[in-house]
């Protein structure tokens, strides 16, 4: 699954937590954060700190692997055109 937004990442981590039958409190204990921090990440990931993300990934024994998207093209007029996203945020 390609994850391209903070909300998608939070959703993926929450689903992983559910699949492993872990509560927010259990993940918080493993991550060394408060339960409210886990909740905040799951509900408003764009407001979370990068350190929080890595603490949660560590607690869930997950890692991030980066791979390139479709290449961004720069036409002759030097205007950058972003690639078209694979899905619409409204799907979430």
PDB file of N, CA and C in Angstrom:
ATOM      1  N   UNK A   1       0.844  -1.178   0.000  1.00  0.00           N
ATOM      2  CA  UNK A   1       0.000   0.000   0.000  1.00  0.00           C
ATOM      3  C   UNK A   1       0.887   1.239   0.000  1.00  0.00           C
ATOM      4  N   UNK A   2       0.617   2.127  -0.912  1.00  0.00           N
ATOM      5  CA  UNK A   2       1.332   3.402  -0.952  1.00  0.00           C
ATOM      6  C   UNK A   2       0.653   4.365   0.018  1.00  0.00           C
ATOM      7  N   UNK A   3       1.429   4.932   0.906  1.00  0.00           N
ATOM      8  CA  UNK A   3       0.917   5.905   1.872  1.00  0.00           C
ATOM      9  C   UNK A   3       1.470   7.262   1.481  1.00  0.00           C
ATOM     10  N   UNK A   4       0.558   8.187   1.164  1.00  0.00           N
ATOM     11  CA  UNK A   4       0.989   9.483   0.649  1.00  0.00           C
ATOM     12  C   UNK A   4       0.506  10.675   1.461  1.00  0.00           C
ATOM     13  N   UNK A   5      -0.229  10.422   2.544  1.00  0.00           N
ATOM     14  CA  UNK A   5      -0.685  11.519   3.401  1.00  0.00           C
ATOM     15  C   UNK A   5      -0.546  11.115   4.864  1.00  0.00           C
ATOM     16  N   UNK A   6      -0.548  12.103   5.735  1.00  0.00           N
ATOM     17  CA  UNK A   6      -0.482  11.843   7.176  1.00  0.00           C
ATOM     18  C   UNK A   6      -1.695  11.038   7.636  1.00  0.00           C
ATOM     19  N   UNK A   7      -2.862  11.347   7.087  1.00  0.00           N
ATOM     20  CA  UNK A   7      -4.080  10.620   7.476  1.00  0.00           C
ATOM     21  C   UNK A   7      -4.005   9.153   7.076  1.00  0.00           C
ATOM     22  N   UNK A   8      -3.454   8.879   5.905  1.00  0.00           N
ATOM     23  CA  UNK A   8      -3.301   7.487   5.477  1.00  0.00           C
ATOM     24  C   UNK A   8      -2.350   6.738   6.398  1.00  0.00           C
ATOM     25  N   UNK A   9      -1.266   7.395   6.800  1.00  0.00           N
ATOM     26  CA  UNK A   9      -0.302   6.774   7.698  1.00  0.00           C
ATOM     27  C   UNK A   9      -0.941   6.476   9.050  1.00  0.00           C
ATOM     28  N   UNK A  10      -1.673   7.439   9.590  1.00  0.00           N
ATOM     29  CA  UNK A  10      -2.348   7.238  10.872  1.00  0.00           C
ATOM     30  C   UNK A  10      -3.353   6.093  10.775  1.00  0.00           C
ATOM     31  N   UNK A  11      -4.081   6.042   9.672  1.00  0.00           N
ATOM     32  CA  UNK A  11      -5.064   4.974   9.475  1.00  0.00           C
ATOM     33  C   UNK A  11      -4.371   3.605   9.422  1.00  0.00           C
ATOM     34  N   UNK A  12      -3.258   3.523   8.723  1.00  0.00           N
ATOM     35  CA  UNK A  12      -2.519   2.265   8.612  1.00  0.00           C
ATOM     36  C   UNK A  12      -2.002   1.808   9.975  1.00  0.00           C
ATOM     37  N   UNK A  13      -1.467   2.733  10.767  1.00  0.00           N
ATOM     38  CA  UNK A  13      -0.981   2.374  12.094  1.00  0.00           C
ATOM     39  C   UNK A  13      -2.125   1.937  13.002  1.00  0.00           C
ATOM     40  N   UNK A  14      -3.246   2.631  12.912  1.00  0.00           N
ATOM     41  CA  UNK A  14      -4.417   2.271  13.719  1.00  0.00           C
ATOM     42  C   UNK A  14      -4.917   0.880  13.332  1.00  0.00           C
ATOM     43  N   UNK A  15      -4.987   0.583  12.042  1.00  0.00           N
ATOM     44  CA  UNK A  15      -5.411  -0.741  11.579  1.00  0.00           C
ATOM     45  C   UNK A  15      -4.445  -1.821  12.062  1.00  0.00           C
ATOM     46  N   UNK A  16      -3.150  -1.535  12.012  1.00  0.00           N
ATOM     47  CA  UNK A  16      -2.157  -2.489  12.501  1.00  0.00           C
ATOM     48  C   UNK A  16      -2.367  -2.736  13.994  1.00  0.00           C
ATOM     49  N   UNK A  17      -2.634  -1.662  14.738  1.00  0.00           N
ATOM     50  CA  UNK A  17      -2.892  -1.783  16.182  1.00  0.00           C
ATOM     51  C   UNK A  17      -4.114  -2.666  16.418  1.00  0.00           C
ATOM     52  N   UNK A  18      -5.188  -2.435  15.675  1.00  0.00           N
ATOM     53  CA  UNK A  18      -6.403  -3.250  15.805  1.00  0.00           C
ATOM     54  C   UNK A  18      -6.122  -4.718  15.488  1.00  0.00           C
ATOM     55  N   UNK A  19      -5.414  -4.964  14.398  1.00  0.00           N
ATOM     56  CA  UNK A  19      -5.124  -6.339  13.983  1.00  0.00           C
ATOM     57  C   UNK A  19      -4.317  -7.090  15.034  1.00  0.00           C
ATOM     58  N   UNK A  20      -3.509  -6.357  15.778  1.00  0.00           N
ATOM     59  CA  UNK A  20      -2.689  -6.978  16.816  1.00  0.00           C
ATOM     60  C   UNK A  20      -3.331  -6.894  18.195  1.00  0.00           C
ATOM     61  N   UNK A  21      -4.610  -6.487  18.217  1.00  0.00           N
ATOM     62  CA  UNK A  21      -5.406  -6.435  19.443  1.00  0.00           C
ATOM     63  C   UNK A  21      -4.727  -5.638  20.552  1.00  0.00           C
ATOM     64  N   UNK A  22      -4.165  -4.487  20.156  1.00  0.00           N
ATOM     65  CA  UNK A  22      -3.507  -3.599  21.115  1.00  0.00           C
ATOM     66  C   UNK A  22      -4.373  -2.369  21.347  1.00  0.00           C
ATOM     67  N   UNK A  23      -4.478  -1.969  22.591  1.00  0.00           N
ATOM     68  CA  UNK A  23      -5.201  -0.737  22.916  1.00  0.00           C
ATOM     69  C   UNK A  23      -4.263   0.454  22.736  1.00  0.00           C
ATOM     70  N   UNK A  24      -4.844   1.627  22.692  1.00  0.00           N
ATOM     71  CA  UNK A  24      -4.024   2.840  22.650  1.00  0.00           C
ATOM     72  C   UNK A  24      -3.135   2.909  23.884  1.00  0.00           C
ATOM     73  N   UNK A  25      -3.657   2.503  25.028  1.00  0.00           N
ATOM     74  CA  UNK A  25      -2.873   2.538  26.273  1.00  0.00           C
ATOM     75  C   UNK A  25      -1.679   1.600  26.205  1.00  0.00           C
ATOM     76  N   UNK A  26      -1.869   0.430  25.625  1.00  0.00           N
ATOM     77  CA  UNK A  26      -0.760  -0.522  25.502  1.00  0.00           C
ATOM     78  C   UNK A  26       0.322   0.018  24.568  1.00  0.00           C
ATOM     79  N   UNK A  27      -0.094   0.586  23.452  1.00  0.00           N
ATOM     80  CA  UNK A  27       0.872   1.162  22.510  1.00  0.00           C
ATOM     81  C   UNK A  27       1.591   2.333  23.161  1.00  0.00           C
ATOM     82  N   UNK A  28       0.854   3.150  23.894  1.00  0.00           N
ATOM     83  CA  UNK A  28       1.458   4.296  24.582  1.00  0.00           C
ATOM     84  C   UNK A  28       2.536   3.835  25.555  1.00  0.00           C
ATOM     85  N   UNK A  29       2.250   2.790  26.303  1.00  0.00           N
ATOM     86  CA  UNK A  29       3.228   2.263  27.259  1.00  0.00           C
ATOM     87  C   UNK A  29       4.486   1.788  26.536  1.00  0.00           C
ATOM     88  N   UNK A  30       4.308   1.074  25.442  1.00  0.00           N
ATOM     89  CA  UNK A  30       5.448   0.585  24.660  1.00  0.00           C
ATOM     90  C   UNK A  30       6.234   1.721  24.011  1.00  0.00           C
ATOM     91  N   UNK A  31       5.530   2.791  23.635  1.00  0.00           N
ATOM     92  CA  UNK A  31       6.163   3.921  22.942  1.00  0.00           C
ATOM     93  C   UNK A  31       6.735   4.954  23.900  1.00  0.00           C
ATOM     94  N   UNK A  32       6.374   4.859  25.183  1.00  0.00           N
ATOM     95  CA  UNK A  32       6.860   5.843  26.149  1.00  0.00           C
ATOM     96  C   UNK A  32       6.164   7.184  26.023  1.00  0.00           C
ATOM     97  N   UNK A  33       4.889   7.141  25.606  1.00  0.00           N
ATOM     98  CA  UNK A  33       4.096   8.362  25.483  1.00  0.00           C
ATOM     99  C   UNK A  33       2.779   8.160  26.226  1.00  0.00           C
ATOM    100  N   UNK A  34       1.977   9.203  26.297  1.00  0.00           N
ATOM    101  CA  UNK A  34       0.668   9.105  26.934  1.00  0.00           C
ATOM    102  C   UNK A  34      -0.348   8.529  25.950  1.00  0.00           C
ATOM    103  N   UNK A  35      -1.403   7.940  26.504  1.00  0.00           N
ATOM    104  CA  UNK A  35      -2.487   7.418  25.662  1.00  0.00           C
ATOM    105  C   UNK A  35      -3.078   8.533  24.817  1.00  0.00           C
ATOM    106  N   UNK A  36      -3.175   9.724  25.377  1.00  0.00           N
ATOM    107  CA  UNK A  36      -3.726  10.870  24.638  1.00  0.00           C
ATOM    108  C   UNK A  36      -2.874  11.203  23.410  1.00  0.00           C
ATOM    109  N   UNK A  37      -1.579  10.940  23.486  1.00  0.00           N
ATOM    110  CA  UNK A  37      -0.682  11.190  22.351  1.00  0.00           C
ATOM    111  C   UNK A  37      -0.978  10.217  21.214  1.00  0.00           C
ATOM    112  N   UNK A  38      -1.229   8.959  21.567  1.00  0.00           N
ATOM    113  CA  UNK A  38      -1.591   7.960  20.549  1.00  0.00           C
ATOM    114  C   UNK A  38      -2.912   8.355  19.895  1.00  0.00           C
ATOM    115  N   UNK A  39      -3.879   8.738  20.705  1.00  0.00           N
ATOM    116  CA  UNK A  39      -5.175   9.173  20.187  1.00  0.00           C
ATOM    117  C   UNK A  39      -5.025  10.386  19.272  1.00  0.00           C
ATOM    118  N   UNK A  40      -4.233  11.350  19.701  1.00  0.00           N
ATOM    119  CA  UNK A  40      -4.021  12.560  18.896  1.00  0.00           C
ATOM    120  C   UNK A  40      -3.384  12.208  17.559  1.00  0.00           C
ATOM    121  N   UNK A  41      -2.414  11.291  17.565  1.00  0.00           N
ATOM    122  CA  UNK A  41      -1.780  10.892  16.308  1.00  0.00           C
ATOM    123  C   UNK A  41      -2.795  10.223  15.384  1.00  0.00           C
ATOM    124  N   UNK A  42      -3.613   9.342  15.937  1.00  0.00           N
ATOM    125  CA  UNK A  42      -4.583   8.630  15.105  1.00  0.00           C
ATOM    126  C   UNK A  42      -5.657   9.556  14.538  1.00  0.00           C
ATOM    127  N   UNK A  43      -5.988  10.611  15.265  1.00  0.00           N
ATOM    128  CA  UNK A  43      -7.074  11.495  14.845  1.00  0.00           C
ATOM    129  C   UNK A  43      -6.619  12.759  14.127  1.00  0.00           C
ATOM    130  N   UNK A  44      -5.444  13.259  14.467  1.00  0.00           N
ATOM    131  CA  UNK A  44      -4.917  14.473  13.829  1.00  0.00           C
ATOM    132  C   UNK A  44      -3.417  14.320  13.584  1.00  0.00           C
ATOM    133  N   UNK A  45      -3.036  13.398  12.712  1.00  0.00           N
ATOM    134  CA  UNK A  45      -1.616  13.117  12.511  1.00  0.00           C
ATOM    135  C   UNK A  45      -0.819  14.304  11.991  1.00  0.00           C
ATOM    136  N   UNK A  46      -1.482  15.188  11.266  1.00  0.00           N
ATOM    137  CA  UNK A  46      -0.773  16.341  10.710  1.00  0.00           C
ATOM    138  C   UNK A  46      -0.285  17.285  11.801  1.00  0.00           C
ATOM    139  N   UNK A  47      -0.794  17.158  13.012  1.00  0.00           N
ATOM    140  CA  UNK A  47      -0.375  18.017  14.122  1.00  0.00           C
ATOM    141  C   UNK A  47       0.652  17.327  15.023  1.00  0.00           C
ATOM    142  N   UNK A  48       1.019  16.098  14.707  1.00  0.00           N
ATOM    143  CA  UNK A  48       1.942  15.329  15.539  1.00  0.00           C
ATOM    144  C   UNK A  48       3.393  15.607  15.177  1.00  0.00           C
ATOM    145  N   UNK A  49       4.261  15.312  16.120  1.00  0.00           N
ATOM    146  CA  UNK A  49       5.700  15.467  15.907  1.00  0.00           C
ATOM    147  C   UNK A  49       6.256  14.225  15.212  1.00  0.00           C
ATOM    148  N   UNK A  50       7.312  14.416  14.476  1.00  0.00           N
ATOM    149  CA  UNK A  50       7.973  13.294  13.806  1.00  0.00           C
ATOM    150  C   UNK A  50       8.473  12.289  14.837  1.00  0.00           C
ATOM    151  N   UNK A  51       8.982  12.771  15.965  1.00  0.00           N
ATOM    152  CA  UNK A  51       9.440  11.867  17.028  1.00  0.00           C
ATOM    153  C   UNK A  51       8.314  10.959  17.506  1.00  0.00           C
ATOM    154  N   UNK A  52       7.110  11.503  17.598  1.00  0.00           N
ATOM    155  CA  UNK A  52       5.958  10.696  18.013  1.00  0.00           C
ATOM    156  C   UNK A  52       5.726   9.569  17.020  1.00  0.00           C
ATOM    157  N   UNK A  53       5.790   9.883  15.741  1.00  0.00           N
ATOM    158  CA  UNK A  53       5.630   8.861  14.713  1.00  0.00           C
ATOM    159  C   UNK A  53       6.641   7.738  14.909  1.00  0.00           C
ATOM    160  N   UNK A  54       7.907   8.088  15.089  1.00  0.00           N
ATOM    161  CA  UNK A  54       8.930   7.056  15.230  1.00  0.00           C
ATOM    162  C   UNK A  54       8.796   6.272  16.532  1.00  0.00           C
ATOM    163  N   UNK A  55       8.323   6.912  17.591  1.00  0.00           N
ATOM    164  CA  UNK A  55       8.048   6.188  18.838  1.00  0.00           C
ATOM    165  C   UNK A  55       6.938   5.161  18.628  1.00  0.00           C
ATOM    166  N   UNK A  56       5.893   5.556  17.918  1.00  0.00           N
ATOM    167  CA  UNK A  56       4.787   4.636  17.649  1.00  0.00           C
ATOM    168  C   UNK A  56       5.221   3.503  16.724  1.00  0.00           C
ATOM    169  N   UNK A  57       5.981   3.829  15.693  1.00  0.00           N
ATOM    170  CA  UNK A  57       6.492   2.787  14.799  1.00  0.00           C
ATOM    171  C   UNK A  57       7.334   1.778  15.564  1.00  0.00           C
ATOM    172  N   UNK A  58       8.184   2.265  16.441  1.00  0.00           N
ATOM    173  CA  UNK A  58       9.029   1.387  17.243  1.00  0.00           C
ATOM    174  C   UNK A  58       8.186   0.498  18.153  1.00  0.00           C
ATOM    175  N   UNK A  59       7.187   1.085  18.795  1.00  0.00           N
ATOM    176  CA  UNK A  59       6.315   0.327  19.693  1.00  0.00           C
ATOM    177  C   UNK A  59       5.577  -0.781  18.942  1.00  0.00           C
ATOM    178  N   UNK A  60       5.196  -0.509  17.708  1.00  0.00           N
ATOM    179  CA  UNK A  60       4.467  -1.484  16.895  1.00  0.00           C
ATOM    180  C   UNK A  60       5.404  -2.381  16.088  1.00  0.00           C
ATOM    181  N   UNK A  61       6.712  -2.182  16.259  1.00  0.00           N
ATOM    182  CA  UNK A  61       7.740  -2.934  15.542  1.00  0.00           C
ATOM    183  C   UNK A  61       7.550  -2.825  14.025  1.00  0.00           C
ATOM    184  N   UNK A  62       7.363  -1.583  13.585  1.00  0.00           N
ATOM    185  CA  UNK A  62       7.217  -1.266  12.167  1.00  0.00           C
ATOM    186  C   UNK A  62       8.353  -0.354  11.729  1.00  0.00           C
ATOM    187  N   UNK A  63       8.561  -0.270  10.440  1.00  0.00           N
ATOM    188  CA  UNK A  63       9.555   0.656   9.895  1.00  0.00           C
ATOM    189  C   UNK A  63       9.010   1.281   8.621  1.00  0.00           C
ATOM    190  N   UNK A  64       9.599   2.384   8.232  1.00  0.00           N
ATOM    191  CA  UNK A  64       9.208   3.078   7.007  1.00  0.00           C
ATOM    192  C   UNK A  64      10.240   2.780   5.927  1.00  0.00           C
ATOM    193  N   UNK A  65       9.758   2.462   4.744  1.00  0.00           N
ATOM    194  CA  UNK A  65      10.610   2.294   3.578  1.00  0.00           C
ATOM    195  C   UNK A  65      10.148   3.295   2.527  1.00  0.00           C
ATOM    196  N   UNK A  66      11.074   4.073   2.004  1.00  0.00           N
ATOM    197  CA  UNK A  66      10.738   5.083   1.003  1.00  0.00           C
ATOM    198  C   UNK A  66      10.967   4.541  -0.398  1.00  0.00           C
ATOM    199  N   UNK A  67      10.075   4.921  -1.309  1.00  0.00           N
ATOM    200  CA  UNK A  67      10.265   4.589  -2.719  1.00  0.00           C
ATOM    201  C   UNK A  67       9.767   5.766  -3.551  1.00  0.00           C
ATOM    202  N   UNK A  68      10.365   5.972  -4.707  1.00  0.00           N
ATOM    203  CA  UNK A  68       9.977   7.129  -5.525  1.00  0.00           C
ATOM    204  C   UNK A  68       8.572   6.966  -6.090  1.00  0.00           C
ATOM    205  N   UNK A  69       7.889   8.095  -6.187  1.00  0.00           N
ATOM    206  CA  UNK A  69       6.597   8.139  -6.869  1.00  0.00           C
ATOM    207  C   UNK A  69       6.877   8.247  -8.357  1.00  0.00           C
ATOM    208  N   UNK A  70       5.804   8.442  -9.122  1.00  0.00           N
ATOM    209  CA  UNK A  70       5.988   8.773 -10.536  1.00  0.00           C
ATOM    210  C   UNK A  70       6.830  10.038 -10.607  1.00  0.00           C
ATOM    211  N   UNK A  71       7.708  10.093 -11.562  1.00  0.00           N
ATOM    212  CA  UNK A  71       8.596  11.250 -11.658  1.00  0.00           C
ATOM    213  C   UNK A  71       7.821  12.522 -11.968  1.00  0.00           C
ATOM    214  N   UNK A  72       8.206  13.600 -11.279  1.00  0.00           N
ATOM    215  CA  UNK A  72       7.657  14.915 -11.569  1.00  0.00           C
ATOM    216  C   UNK A  72       8.349  15.431 -12.823  1.00  0.00           C
ATOM    217  N   UNK A  73       7.565  15.957 -13.738  1.00  0.00           N
ATOM    218  CA  UNK A  73       8.148  16.465 -14.979  1.00  0.00           C
ATOM    219  C   UNK A  73       8.248  17.979 -14.941  1.00  0.00           C
ATOM    220  N   UNK A  74       9.313  18.499 -15.535  1.00  0.00           N
ATOM    221  CA  UNK A  74       9.503  19.944 -15.638  1.00  0.00           C
ATOM    222  C   UNK A  74       9.483  20.292 -17.124  1.00  0.00           C
ATOM    223  N   UNK A  75       8.383  20.912 -17.576  1.00  0.00           N
ATOM    224  CA  UNK A  75       8.294  21.281 -18.989  1.00  0.00           C
ATOM    225  C   UNK A  75       9.217  22.440 -19.334  1.00  0.00           C
ATOM    226  N   UNK A  76       9.260  22.771 -20.598  1.00  0.00           N
ATOM    227  CA  UNK A  76      10.146  23.824 -21.091  1.00  0.00           C
ATOM    228  C   UNK A  76       9.918  25.165 -20.404  1.00  0.00           C
ATOM    229  N   UNK A  77       8.695  25.444 -19.930  1.00  0.00           N
ATOM    230  CA  UNK A  77       8.426  26.731 -19.282  1.00  0.00           C
ATOM    231  C   UNK A  77       8.840  26.750 -17.804  1.00  0.00           C
ATOM    232  N   UNK A  78       9.523  25.691 -17.339  1.00  0.00           N
ATOM    233  CA  UNK A  78      10.029  25.563 -15.966  1.00  0.00           C
ATOM    234  C   UNK A  78       8.936  25.575 -14.897  1.00  0.00           C
ATOM    235  N   UNK A  79       7.714  25.264 -15.249  1.00  0.00           N
ATOM    236  CA  UNK A  79       6.613  25.135 -14.294  1.00  0.00           C
ATOM    237  C   UNK A  79       6.532  23.664 -13.875  1.00  0.00           C
ATOM    238  N   UNK A  80       6.665  23.397 -12.582  1.00  0.00           N
ATOM    239  CA  UNK A  80       6.623  22.024 -12.081  1.00  0.00           C
ATOM    240  C   UNK A  80       5.180  21.539 -12.046  1.00  0.00           C
ATOM    241  N   UNK A  81       4.966  20.343 -12.568  1.00  0.00           N
ATOM    242  CA  UNK A  81       3.647  19.717 -12.532  1.00  0.00           C
ATOM    243  C   UNK A  81       3.729  18.490 -11.636  1.00  0.00           C
ATOM    244  N   UNK A  82       2.909  18.471 -10.602  1.00  0.00           N
ATOM    245  CA  UNK A  82       2.898  17.334  -9.687  1.00  0.00           C
ATOM    246  C   UNK A  82       2.203  16.145 -10.340  1.00  0.00           C
ATOM    247  N   UNK A  83       2.638  14.932 -10.002  1.00  0.00           N
ATOM    248  CA  UNK A  83       1.941  13.757 -10.516  1.00  0.00           C
ATOM    249  C   UNK A  83       0.521  13.686  -9.951  1.00  0.00           C
ATOM    250  N   UNK A  84      -0.356  13.050 -10.682  1.00  0.00           N
ATOM    251  CA  UNK A  84      -1.730  12.885 -10.232  1.00  0.00           C
ATOM    252  C   UNK A  84      -1.761  11.838  -9.125  1.00  0.00           C
ATOM    253  N   UNK A  85      -2.432  12.128  -7.975  1.00  0.00           N
ATOM    254  CA  UNK A  85      -2.492  11.136  -6.894  1.00  0.00           C
ATOM    255  C   UNK A  85      -3.282   9.898  -7.328  1.00  0.00           C
ATOM    256  N   UNK A  86      -2.963   8.770  -6.691  1.00  0.00           N
ATOM    257  CA  UNK A  86      -3.622   7.507  -7.013  1.00  0.00           C
ATOM    258  C   UNK A  86      -5.040   7.430  -6.472  1.00  0.00           C
ATOM    259  N   UNK A  87      -5.366   8.257  -5.471  1.00  0.00           N
ATOM    260  CA  UNK A  87      -6.694   8.210  -4.879  1.00  0.00           C
ATOM    261  C   UNK A  87      -7.073   9.593  -4.404  1.00  0.00           C
ATOM    262  N   UNK A  88      -8.302   9.741  -4.020  1.00  0.00           N
ATOM    263  CA  UNK A  88      -8.834  11.007  -3.535  1.00  0.00           C
ATOM    264  C   UNK A  88      -8.938  10.949  -2.019  1.00  0.00           C
ATOM    265  N   UNK A  89      -8.484  11.986  -1.310  1.00  0.00           N
ATOM    266  CA  UNK A  89      -8.568  12.021   0.151  1.00  0.00           C
ATOM    267  C   UNK A  89      -9.991  11.811   0.648  1.00  0.00           C
ATOM    268  N   UNK A  90     -10.978  12.148  -0.167  1.00  0.00           N
ATOM    269  CA  UNK A  90     -12.365  11.985   0.256  1.00  0.00           C
ATOM    270  C   UNK A  90     -12.745  10.519   0.395  1.00  0.00           C
ATOM    271  N   UNK A  91     -11.943   9.613  -0.189  1.00  0.00           N
ATOM    272  CA  UNK A  91     -12.207   8.184  -0.038  1.00  0.00           C
ATOM    273  C   UNK A  91     -12.032   7.737   1.403  1.00  0.00           C
ATOM    274  N   UNK A  92     -11.299   8.483   2.201  1.00  0.00           N
ATOM    275  CA  UNK A  92     -11.059   8.119   3.593  1.00  0.00           C
ATOM    276  C   UNK A  92     -12.093   8.766   4.418  1.00  0.00           C
TER     277      UNK A  92
END
